[in-house]
PDB file of all heavy atoms in Angstrom:
ATOM      1  N   ALA A   1       6.124  -4.453 -14.535  1.00  0.00           N
ATOM      2  CA  ALA A   1       6.657  -5.542 -15.195  1.00  0.00           C
ATOM      3  C   ALA A   1       6.710  -5.408 -16.734  1.00  0.00           C
ATOM      4  O   ALA A   1       7.640  -5.630 -17.472  1.00  0.00           O
ATOM      5  CB  ALA A   1       5.984  -6.899 -14.923  1.00  0.00           C
ATOM      6  N   GLY A   2       5.535  -4.675 -17.140  1.00  0.00           N
ATOM      7  CA  GLY A   2       5.506  -4.282 -18.570  1.00  0.00           C
ATOM      8  C   GLY A   2       6.504  -3.325 -18.976  1.00  0.00           C
ATOM      9  O   GLY A   2       7.154  -3.342 -20.079  1.00  0.00           O
ATOM     10  N   VAL A   3       6.745  -2.307 -18.129  1.00  0.00           N
ATOM     11  CA  VAL A   3       7.816  -1.356 -18.386  1.00  0.00           C
ATOM     12  C   VAL A   3       9.185  -1.953 -18.490  1.00  0.00           C
ATOM     13  O   VAL A   3       9.981  -1.751 -19.286  1.00  0.00           O
ATOM     14  CB  VAL A   3       7.835  -0.211 -17.330  1.00  0.00           C
ATOM     15  CG1 VAL A   3       8.974   0.600 -17.397  1.00  0.00           C
ATOM     16  CG2 VAL A   3       6.483   0.572 -17.390  1.00  0.00           C
ATOM     17  N   TYR A   4       9.519  -2.869 -17.489  1.00  0.00           N
ATOM     18  CA  TYR A   4      10.743  -3.551 -17.455  1.00  0.00           C
ATOM     19  C   TYR A   4      11.058  -4.368 -18.737  1.00  0.00           C
ATOM     20  O   TYR A   4      12.102  -4.453 -19.126  1.00  0.00           O
ATOM     21  CB  TYR A   4      10.847  -4.497 -16.249  1.00  0.00           C
ATOM     22  CG  TYR A   4      12.173  -5.032 -15.909  1.00  0.00           C
ATOM     23  CD1 TYR A   4      13.150  -4.294 -15.407  1.00  0.00           C
ATOM     24  CD2 TYR A   4      12.402  -6.374 -16.203  1.00  0.00           C
ATOM     25  CE1 TYR A   4      14.378  -4.772 -15.204  1.00  0.00           C
ATOM     26  CE2 TYR A   4      13.709  -6.941 -15.963  1.00  0.00           C
ATOM     27  CZ  TYR A   4      14.658  -6.101 -15.373  1.00  0.00           C
ATOM     28  OH  TYR A   4      15.958  -6.569 -15.192  1.00  0.00           O
ATOM     29  N   ALA A   5       9.850  -4.854 -19.241  1.00  0.00           N
ATOM     30  CA  ALA A   5       9.988  -5.647 -20.504  1.00  0.00           C
ATOM     31  C   ALA A   5      10.094  -4.861 -21.744  1.00  0.00           C
ATOM     32  O   ALA A   5      10.264  -5.432 -22.896  1.00  0.00           O
ATOM     33  CB  ALA A   5       8.919  -6.690 -20.612  1.00  0.00           C
ATOM     34  N   GLY A   6       9.771  -3.496 -21.694  1.00  0.00           N
ATOM     35  CA  GLY A   6       9.876  -2.668 -22.889  1.00  0.00           C
ATOM     36  C   GLY A   6       8.888  -1.803 -23.176  1.00  0.00           C
ATOM     37  O   GLY A   6       8.913  -1.005 -24.127  1.00  0.00           O
ATOM     38  N   ALA A   7       7.794  -1.793 -22.375  1.00  0.00           N
ATOM     39  CA  ALA A   7       6.622  -0.849 -22.630  1.00  0.00           C
ATOM     40  C   ALA A   7       7.078   0.602 -22.478  1.00  0.00           C
ATOM     41  O   ALA A   7       7.927   0.922 -21.668  1.00  0.00           O
ATOM     42  CB  ALA A   7       5.489  -1.125 -21.751  1.00  0.00           C
ATOM     43  N   THR A   8       6.532   1.413 -23.336  1.00  0.00           N
ATOM     44  CA  THR A   8       6.934   2.811 -23.299  1.00  0.00           C
ATOM     45  C   THR A   8       5.866   3.791 -22.786  1.00  0.00           C
ATOM     46  O   THR A   8       6.101   5.020 -22.686  1.00  0.00           O
ATOM     47  CB  THR A   8       7.487   3.301 -24.679  1.00  0.00           C
ATOM     48  OG1 THR A   8       6.253   3.092 -25.621  1.00  0.00           O
ATOM     49  CG2 THR A   8       8.626   2.489 -25.161  1.00  0.00           C
ATOM     50  N   GLN A   9       4.655   3.257 -22.488  1.00  0.00           N
ATOM     51  CA  GLN A   9       3.600   4.017 -22.004  1.00  0.00           C
ATOM     52  C   GLN A   9       2.902   3.169 -20.882  1.00  0.00           C
ATOM     53  O   GLN A   9       2.648   2.012 -21.122  1.00  0.00           O
ATOM     54  CB  GLN A   9       2.616   4.463 -23.042  1.00  0.00           C
ATOM     55  CG  GLN A   9       1.363   5.158 -22.522  1.00  0.00           C
ATOM     56  CD  GLN A   9       0.376   5.606 -23.647  1.00  0.00           C
ATOM     57  OE1 GLN A   9       0.723   6.553 -24.444  1.00  0.00           O
ATOM     58  NE2 GLN A   9      -0.734   5.033 -23.705  1.00  0.00           N
ATOM     59  N   VAL A  10       2.440   3.846 -19.781  1.00  0.00           N
ATOM     60  CA  VAL A  10       1.712   3.187 -18.809  1.00  0.00           C
ATOM     61  C   VAL A  10       0.394   3.985 -18.531  1.00  0.00           C
ATOM     62  O   VAL A  10       0.513   5.301 -18.450  1.00  0.00           O
ATOM     63  CB  VAL A  10       2.489   3.142 -17.484  1.00  0.00           C
ATOM     64  CG1 VAL A  10       1.604   2.409 -16.345  1.00  0.00           C
ATOM     65  CG2 VAL A  10       3.777   2.471 -17.626  1.00  0.00           C
ATOM     66  N   GLU A  11      -0.750   3.211 -18.473  1.00  0.00           N
ATOM     67  CA  GLU A  11      -1.993   3.833 -18.287  1.00  0.00           C
ATOM     68  C   GLU A  11      -2.363   3.705 -16.830  1.00  0.00           C
ATOM     69  O   GLU A  11      -2.421   2.468 -16.338  1.00  0.00           O
ATOM     70  CB  GLU A  11      -3.075   3.276 -19.243  1.00  0.00           C
ATOM     71  CG  GLU A  11      -2.530   3.422 -20.647  1.00  0.00           C
ATOM     72  CD  GLU A  11      -3.565   3.191 -21.757  1.00  0.00           C
ATOM     73  OE1 GLU A  11      -4.768   2.882 -21.376  1.00  0.00           O
ATOM     74  OE2 GLU A  11      -3.212   3.392 -22.945  1.00  0.00           O
ATOM     75  N   CYS A  12      -2.845   4.642 -16.125  1.00  0.00           N
ATOM     76  CA  CYS A  12      -3.042   4.650 -14.670  1.00  0.00           C
ATOM     77  C   CYS A  12      -4.088   5.710 -14.196  1.00  0.00           C
ATOM     78  O   CYS A  12      -4.462   6.521 -15.058  1.00  0.00           O
ATOM     79  CB  CYS A  12      -1.739   4.838 -13.903  1.00  0.00           C
ATOM     80  SG  CYS A  12      -0.677   6.282 -14.491  1.00  0.00           S
ATOM     81  N   THR A  13      -4.391   5.721 -12.934  1.00  0.00           N
ATOM     82  CA  THR A  13      -5.256   6.699 -12.349  1.00  0.00           C
ATOM     83  C   THR A  13      -4.718   7.134 -11.048  1.00  0.00           C
ATOM     84  O   THR A  13      -4.003   6.474 -10.374  1.00  0.00           O
ATOM     85  CB  THR A  13      -6.661   6.171 -12.171  1.00  0.00           C
ATOM     86  OG1 THR A  13      -6.646   5.165 -11.225  1.00  0.00           O
ATOM     87  CG2 THR A  13      -7.278   5.680 -13.446  1.00  0.00           C
ATOM     88  N   VAL A  14      -5.029   8.502 -10.716  1.00  0.00           N
ATOM     89  CA  VAL A  14      -4.623   8.968  -9.502  1.00  0.00           C
ATOM     90  C   VAL A  14      -5.301   8.185  -8.373  1.00  0.00           C
ATOM     91  O   VAL A  14      -6.538   7.936  -8.418  1.00  0.00           O
ATOM     92  CB  VAL A  14      -5.029  10.440  -9.372  1.00  0.00           C
ATOM     93  CG1 VAL A  14      -4.680  11.005  -7.946  1.00  0.00           C
ATOM     94  CG2 VAL A  14      -4.214  11.204 -10.428  1.00  0.00           C
ATOM     95  N   ASN A  15      -4.592   7.748  -7.425  1.00  0.00           N
ATOM     96  CA  ASN A  15      -5.094   6.959  -6.247  1.00  0.00           C
ATOM     97  C   ASN A  15      -5.608   5.584  -6.618  1.00  0.00           C
ATOM     98  O   ASN A  15      -6.223   4.880  -5.768  1.00  0.00           O
ATOM     99  CB  ASN A  15      -6.208   7.741  -5.485  1.00  0.00           C
ATOM    100  CG  ASN A  15      -5.724   9.086  -4.956  1.00  0.00           C
ATOM    101  OD1 ASN A  15      -4.648   9.248  -4.578  1.00  0.00           O
ATOM    102  ND2 ASN A  15      -6.614  10.087  -4.964  1.00  0.00           N
ATOM    103  N   GLY A  16      -5.329   5.158  -7.908  1.00  0.00           N
ATOM    104  CA  GLY A  16      -5.793   3.926  -8.330  1.00  0.00           C
ATOM    105  C   GLY A  16      -7.287   3.756  -8.483  1.00  0.00           C
ATOM    106  O   GLY A  16      -7.764   2.641  -8.467  1.00  0.00           O
ATOM    107  N   VAL A  17      -8.017   4.843  -8.573  1.00  0.00           N
ATOM    108  CA  VAL A  17      -9.471   4.793  -8.628  1.00  0.00           C
ATOM    109  C   VAL A  17      -9.938   4.115 -10.012  1.00  0.00           C
ATOM    110  O   VAL A  17      -9.193   4.208 -10.908  1.00  0.00           O
ATOM    111  CB  VAL A  17     -10.147   6.149  -8.528  1.00  0.00           C
ATOM    112  CG1 VAL A  17      -9.949   6.751  -7.120  1.00  0.00           C
ATOM    113  CG2 VAL A  17      -9.658   7.110  -9.605  1.00  0.00           C
ATOM    114  N   GLY A  18     -10.987   3.437  -9.965  1.00  0.00           N
ATOM    115  CA  GLY A  18     -11.489   2.797 -11.200  1.00  0.00           C
ATOM    116  C   GLY A  18     -12.458   1.717 -10.915  1.00  0.00           C
ATOM    117  O   GLY A  18     -12.812   1.505  -9.791  1.00  0.00           O
ATOM    118  N   GLU A  19     -12.986   1.161 -11.991  1.00  0.00           N
ATOM    119  CA  GLU A  19     -14.005   0.099 -11.859  1.00  0.00           C
ATOM    120  C   GLU A  19     -13.551  -1.085 -11.047  1.00  0.00           C
ATOM    121  O   GLU A  19     -12.299  -1.381 -11.068  1.00  0.00           O
ATOM    122  CB  GLU A  19     -14.463  -0.314 -13.283  1.00  0.00           C
ATOM    123  CG  GLU A  19     -15.269   0.762 -13.982  1.00  0.00           C
ATOM    124  CD  GLU A  19     -15.955   0.167 -15.245  1.00  0.00           C
ATOM    125  OE1 GLU A  19     -15.302   0.009 -16.221  1.00  0.00           O
ATOM    126  OE2 GLU A  19     -17.227  -0.133 -15.157  1.00  0.00           O
ATOM    127  N   ARG A  20     -14.477  -1.638 -10.379  1.00  0.00           N
ATOM    128  CA  ARG A  20     -14.188  -2.887  -9.482  1.00  0.00           C
ATOM    129  C   ARG A  20     -13.012  -2.492  -8.496  1.00  0.00           C
ATOM    130  O   ARG A  20     -13.314  -1.622  -7.555  1.00  0.00           O
ATOM    131  CB  ARG A  20     -13.781  -4.053 -10.293  1.00  0.00           C
ATOM    132  CG  ARG A  20     -14.813  -4.357 -11.372  1.00  0.00           C
ATOM    133  CD  ARG A  20     -14.573  -5.731 -12.131  1.00  0.00           C
ATOM    134  NE  ARG A  20     -13.192  -5.826 -12.633  1.00  0.00           N
ATOM    135  CZ  ARG A  20     -12.816  -5.258 -13.789  1.00  0.00           C
ATOM    136  NH1 ARG A  20     -13.569  -4.587 -14.496  1.00  0.00           N
ATOM    137  NH2 ARG A  20     -11.467  -5.436 -14.108  1.00  0.00           N
ATOM    138  N   ALA A  21     -12.017  -3.196  -8.489  1.00  0.00           N
ATOM    139  CA  ALA A  21     -10.878  -2.938  -7.621  1.00  0.00           C
ATOM    140  C   ALA A  21      -9.974  -1.799  -7.955  1.00  0.00           C
ATOM    141  O   ALA A  21      -8.985  -1.543  -7.245  1.00  0.00           O
ATOM    142  CB  ALA A  21     -10.051  -4.223  -7.396  1.00  0.00           C
ATOM    143  N   GLY A  22     -10.198  -1.223  -9.090  1.00  0.00           N
ATOM    144  CA  GLY A  22      -9.445   0.005  -9.537  1.00  0.00           C
ATOM    145  C   GLY A  22      -8.426  -0.329 -10.476  1.00  0.00           C
ATOM    146  O   GLY A  22      -8.282  -1.478 -11.041  1.00  0.00           O
ATOM    147  N   ASN A  23      -7.607   0.702 -10.801  1.00  0.00           N
ATOM    148  CA  ASN A  23      -6.539   0.629 -11.839  1.00  0.00           C
ATOM    149  C   ASN A  23      -5.220   0.819 -11.153  1.00  0.00           C
ATOM    150  O   ASN A  23      -5.084   0.948  -9.932  1.00  0.00           O
ATOM    151  CB  ASN A  23      -6.705   1.873 -12.793  1.00  0.00           C
ATOM    152  CG  ASN A  23      -7.896   1.789 -13.753  1.00  0.00           C
ATOM    153  OD1 ASN A  23      -9.018   1.375 -13.249  1.00  0.00           O
ATOM    154  ND2 ASN A  23      -7.719   1.970 -14.902  1.00  0.00           N
ATOM    155  N   ALA A  24      -4.158   0.760 -11.870  1.00  0.00           N
ATOM    156  CA  ALA A  24      -2.773   0.975 -11.368  1.00  0.00           C
ATOM    157  C   ALA A  24      -2.752   2.432 -10.814  1.00  0.00           C
ATOM    158  O   ALA A  24      -3.148   3.341 -11.527  1.00  0.00           O
ATOM    159  CB  ALA A  24      -1.789   0.743 -12.479  1.00  0.00           C
ATOM    160  N   ALA A  25      -2.174   2.529  -9.681  1.00  0.00           N
ATOM    161  CA  ALA A  25      -2.144   3.925  -9.050  1.00  0.00           C
ATOM    162  C   ALA A  25      -0.903   4.696  -9.640  1.00  0.00           C
ATOM    163  O   ALA A  25       0.243   4.263  -9.532  1.00  0.00           O
ATOM    164  CB  ALA A  25      -1.993   3.758  -7.550  1.00  0.00           C
ATOM    165  N   LEU A  26      -1.251   5.816 -10.115  1.00  0.00           N
ATOM    166  CA  LEU A  26      -0.257   6.722 -10.687  1.00  0.00           C
ATOM    167  C   LEU A  26       0.940   6.985  -9.709  1.00  0.00           C
ATOM    168  O   LEU A  26       2.031   6.941 -10.126  1.00  0.00           O
ATOM    169  CB  LEU A  26      -0.883   7.978 -11.097  1.00  0.00           C
ATOM    170  CG  LEU A  26       0.101   9.088 -11.763  1.00  0.00           C
ATOM    171  CD1 LEU A  26      -0.690   9.818 -12.882  1.00  0.00           C
ATOM    172  CD2 LEU A  26       0.562   9.990 -10.672  1.00  0.00           C
ATOM    173  N   GLU A  27       0.593   7.402  -8.532  1.00  0.00           N
ATOM    174  CA  GLU A  27       1.646   7.831  -7.580  1.00  0.00           C
ATOM    175  C   GLU A  27       2.489   6.683  -7.227  1.00  0.00           C
ATOM    176  O   GLU A  27       3.747   6.895  -7.011  1.00  0.00           O
ATOM    177  CB  GLU A  27       0.916   8.424  -6.289  1.00  0.00           C
ATOM    178  CG  GLU A  27       0.014   7.473  -5.485  1.00  0.00           C
ATOM    179  CD  GLU A  27      -1.351   7.304  -6.107  1.00  0.00           C
ATOM    180  OE1 GLU A  27      -1.639   7.959  -7.082  1.00  0.00           O
ATOM    181  OE2 GLU A  27      -2.114   6.479  -5.553  1.00  0.00           O
ATOM    182  N   GLU A  28       1.981   5.460  -7.087  1.00  0.00           N
ATOM    183  CA  GLU A  28       2.822   4.262  -6.839  1.00  0.00           C
ATOM    184  C   GLU A  28       3.733   4.003  -8.004  1.00  0.00           C
ATOM    185  O   GLU A  28       4.855   3.646  -7.779  1.00  0.00           O
ATOM    186  CB  GLU A  28       2.035   3.153  -6.423  1.00  0.00           C
ATOM    187  CG  GLU A  28       1.099   3.410  -5.163  1.00  0.00           C
ATOM    188  CD  GLU A  28       0.147   2.302  -4.900  1.00  0.00           C
ATOM    189  OE1 GLU A  28       0.407   1.138  -5.216  1.00  0.00           O
ATOM    190  OE2 GLU A  28      -0.875   2.540  -4.242  1.00  0.00           O
ATOM    191  N   LEU A  29       3.147   4.006  -9.163  1.00  0.00           N
ATOM    192  CA  LEU A  29       3.933   3.707 -10.386  1.00  0.00           C
ATOM    193  C   LEU A  29       5.106   4.626 -10.571  1.00  0.00           C
ATOM    194  O   LEU A  29       6.190   4.343 -10.736  1.00  0.00           O
ATOM    195  CB  LEU A  29       3.086   3.703 -11.666  1.00  0.00           C
ATOM    196  CG  LEU A  29       2.349   2.579 -12.003  1.00  0.00           C
ATOM    197  CD1 LEU A  29       1.277   2.895 -13.090  1.00  0.00           C
ATOM    198  CD2 LEU A  29       3.218   1.496 -12.525  1.00  0.00           C
ATOM    199  N   VAL A  30       4.840   5.988 -10.527  1.00  0.00           N
ATOM    200  CA  VAL A  30       5.761   6.983 -10.733  1.00  0.00           C
ATOM    201  C   VAL A  30       6.947   6.965  -9.706  1.00  0.00           C
ATOM    202  O   VAL A  30       8.038   7.063 -10.060  1.00  0.00           O
ATOM    203  CB  VAL A  30       5.132   8.399 -10.859  1.00  0.00           C
ATOM    204  CG1 VAL A  30       6.191   9.428 -10.910  1.00  0.00           C
ATOM    205  CG2 VAL A  30       4.201   8.478 -12.080  1.00  0.00           C
ATOM    206  N   MET A  31       6.543   6.811  -8.441  1.00  0.00           N
ATOM    207  CA  MET A  31       7.484   6.764  -7.373  1.00  0.00           C
ATOM    208  C   MET A  31       8.348   5.500  -7.428  1.00  0.00           C
ATOM    209  O   MET A  31       9.546   5.555  -7.029  1.00  0.00           O
ATOM    210  CB  MET A  31       6.927   7.076  -6.031  1.00  0.00           C
ATOM    211  CG  MET A  31       6.354   8.487  -5.827  1.00  0.00           C
ATOM    212  SD  MET A  31       7.594   9.678  -6.411  1.00  0.00           S
ATOM    213  CE  MET A  31       8.852   9.600  -5.159  1.00  0.00           C
ATOM    214  N   ALA A  32       7.784   4.375  -7.822  1.00  0.00           N
ATOM    215  CA  ALA A  32       8.570   3.177  -8.072  1.00  0.00           C
ATOM    216  C   ALA A  32       9.600   3.394  -9.142  1.00  0.00           C
ATOM    217  O   ALA A  32      10.765   3.009  -8.976  1.00  0.00           O
ATOM    218  CB  ALA A  32       7.634   1.963  -8.370  1.00  0.00           C
ATOM    219  N   LEU A  33       9.224   3.930 -10.204  1.00  0.00           N
ATOM    220  CA  LEU A  33      10.159   4.199 -11.329  1.00  0.00           C
ATOM    221  C   LEU A  33      11.266   5.181 -10.846  1.00  0.00           C
ATOM    222  O   LEU A  33      12.469   5.136 -11.209  1.00  0.00           O
ATOM    223  CB  LEU A  33       9.433   4.707 -12.599  1.00  0.00           C
ATOM    224  CG  LEU A  33       8.487   3.738 -13.223  1.00  0.00           C
ATOM    225  CD1 LEU A  33       7.671   4.455 -14.400  1.00  0.00           C
ATOM    226  CD2 LEU A  33       9.202   2.566 -13.837  1.00  0.00           C
ATOM    227  N   ASN A  34      10.816   6.205 -10.100  1.00  0.00           N
ATOM    228  CA  ASN A  34      11.664   7.271  -9.642  1.00  0.00           C
ATOM    229  C   ASN A  34      12.711   6.728  -8.590  1.00  0.00           C
ATOM    230  O   ASN A  34      13.915   6.938  -8.647  1.00  0.00           O
ATOM    231  CB  ASN A  34      10.922   8.349  -8.988  1.00  0.00           C
ATOM    232  CG  ASN A  34      11.749   9.627  -8.688  1.00  0.00           C
ATOM    233  OD1 ASN A  34      12.271  10.235  -9.653  1.00  0.00           O
ATOM    234  ND2 ASN A  34      11.906   9.914  -7.400  1.00  0.00           N
ATOM    235  N   THR A  35      12.130   5.964  -7.700  1.00  0.00           N
ATOM    236  CA  THR A  35      12.960   5.396  -6.572  1.00  0.00           C
ATOM    237  C   THR A  35      13.920   4.388  -7.009  1.00  0.00           C
ATOM    238  O   THR A  35      15.036   4.229  -6.589  1.00  0.00           O
ATOM    239  CB  THR A  35      12.135   4.830  -5.453  1.00  0.00           C
ATOM    240  OG1 THR A  35      11.252   6.026  -4.976  1.00  0.00           O
ATOM    241  CG2 THR A  35      12.869   4.479  -4.189  1.00  0.00           C
ATOM    242  N   ARG A  36      13.418   3.452  -7.936  1.00  0.00           N
ATOM    243  CA  ARG A  36      14.246   2.286  -8.517  1.00  0.00           C
ATOM    244  C   ARG A  36      14.684   2.651  -9.819  1.00  0.00           C
ATOM    245  O   ARG A  36      14.591   1.605 -10.647  1.00  0.00           O
ATOM    246  CB  ARG A  36      13.521   1.108  -8.265  1.00  0.00           C
ATOM    247  CG  ARG A  36      13.207   0.635  -6.803  1.00  0.00           C
ATOM    248  CD  ARG A  36      14.401   0.520  -6.020  1.00  0.00           C
ATOM    249  NE  ARG A  36      15.515  -0.273  -6.632  1.00  0.00           N
ATOM    250  CZ  ARG A  36      15.705  -1.592  -6.576  1.00  0.00           C
ATOM    251  NH1 ARG A  36      14.744  -2.243  -5.853  1.00  0.00           N
ATOM    252  NH2 ARG A  36      16.654  -2.138  -7.214  1.00  0.00           N
ATOM    253  N   ALA A  37      15.149   3.743 -10.075  1.00  0.00           N
ATOM    254  CA  ALA A  37      15.660   4.108 -11.526  1.00  0.00           C
ATOM    255  C   ALA A  37      16.821   3.096 -11.852  1.00  0.00           C
ATOM    256  O   ALA A  37      17.081   2.826 -12.976  1.00  0.00           O
ATOM    257  CB  ALA A  37      15.987   5.524 -11.557  1.00  0.00           C
ATOM    258  N   ASP A  38      17.534   2.751 -10.779  1.00  0.00           N
ATOM    259  CA  ASP A  38      18.644   1.758 -11.013  1.00  0.00           C
ATOM    260  C   ASP A  38      18.176   0.485 -11.606  1.00  0.00           C
ATOM    261  O   ASP A  38      18.918  -0.098 -12.410  1.00  0.00           O
ATOM    262  CB  ASP A  38      19.395   1.620  -9.663  1.00  0.00           C
ATOM    263  CG  ASP A  38      18.507   0.895  -8.589  1.00  0.00           C
ATOM    264  OD1 ASP A  38      17.286   1.292  -8.480  1.00  0.00           O
ATOM    265  OD2 ASP A  38      18.950   0.020  -7.956  1.00  0.00           O
ATOM    266  N   HIS A  39      17.002   0.136 -11.214  1.00  0.00           N
ATOM    267  CA  HIS A  39      16.511  -1.135 -11.738  1.00  0.00           C
ATOM    268  C   HIS A  39      15.730  -1.086 -13.045  1.00  0.00           C
ATOM    269  O   HIS A  39      15.945  -1.932 -13.926  1.00  0.00           O
ATOM    270  CB  HIS A  39      15.574  -1.782 -10.702  1.00  0.00           C
ATOM    271  CG  HIS A  39      14.905  -3.107 -11.075  1.00  0.00           C
ATOM    272  ND1 HIS A  39      15.579  -4.239 -11.136  1.00  0.00           N
ATOM    273  CD2 HIS A  39      13.614  -3.406 -11.499  1.00  0.00           C
ATOM    274  CE1 HIS A  39      14.778  -5.267 -11.482  1.00  0.00           C
ATOM    275  NE2 HIS A  39      13.578  -4.708 -11.697  1.00  0.00           N
ATOM    276  N   TYR A  40      14.906  -0.090 -13.132  1.00  0.00           N
ATOM    277  CA  TYR A  40      14.065   0.106 -14.344  1.00  0.00           C
ATOM    278  C   TYR A  40      14.811   0.854 -15.418  1.00  0.00           C
ATOM    279  O   TYR A  40      14.359   0.713 -16.607  1.00  0.00           O
ATOM    280  CB  TYR A  40      12.730   0.679 -14.031  1.00  0.00           C
ATOM    281  CG  TYR A  40      11.845  -0.134 -13.185  1.00  0.00           C
ATOM    282  CD1 TYR A  40      11.808   0.116 -11.744  1.00  0.00           C
ATOM    283  CD2 TYR A  40      11.187  -1.210 -13.590  1.00  0.00           C
ATOM    284  CE1 TYR A  40      10.894  -0.681 -10.932  1.00  0.00           C
ATOM    285  CE2 TYR A  40      10.436  -2.072 -12.789  1.00  0.00           C
ATOM    286  CZ  TYR A  40      10.274  -1.704 -11.526  1.00  0.00           C
ATOM    287  OH  TYR A  40       9.527  -2.540 -10.776  1.00  0.00           O
ATOM    288  N   ALA A  41      15.750   1.600 -15.134  1.00  0.00           N
ATOM    289  CA  ALA A  41      16.535   2.430 -16.139  1.00  0.00           C
ATOM    290  C   ALA A  41      15.605   3.290 -16.944  1.00  0.00           C
ATOM    291  O   ALA A  41      15.763   3.317 -18.195  1.00  0.00           O
ATOM    292  CB  ALA A  41      17.459   1.447 -17.025  1.00  0.00           C
ATOM    293  N   CYS A  42      14.615   3.904 -16.404  1.00  0.00           N
ATOM    294  CA  CYS A  42      13.739   4.754 -17.054  1.00  0.00           C
ATOM    295  C   CYS A  42      13.100   5.791 -16.106  1.00  0.00           C
ATOM    296  O   CYS A  42      13.196   5.605 -14.819  1.00  0.00           O
ATOM    297  CB  CYS A  42      12.705   3.958 -17.762  1.00  0.00           C
ATOM    298  SG  CYS A  42      11.612   2.980 -16.777  1.00  0.00           S
TER     299      CYS A  42
END
């Protein structure tokens, strides 16, 4: 949602590892941007 609104950098971790419930998962973010390039235009 942040990217769609204009963010130019995303902070994430491989497999979403991180404190408590974790962070945004790199592999999911990147493949969402890649698969839905028509929507995110990036």
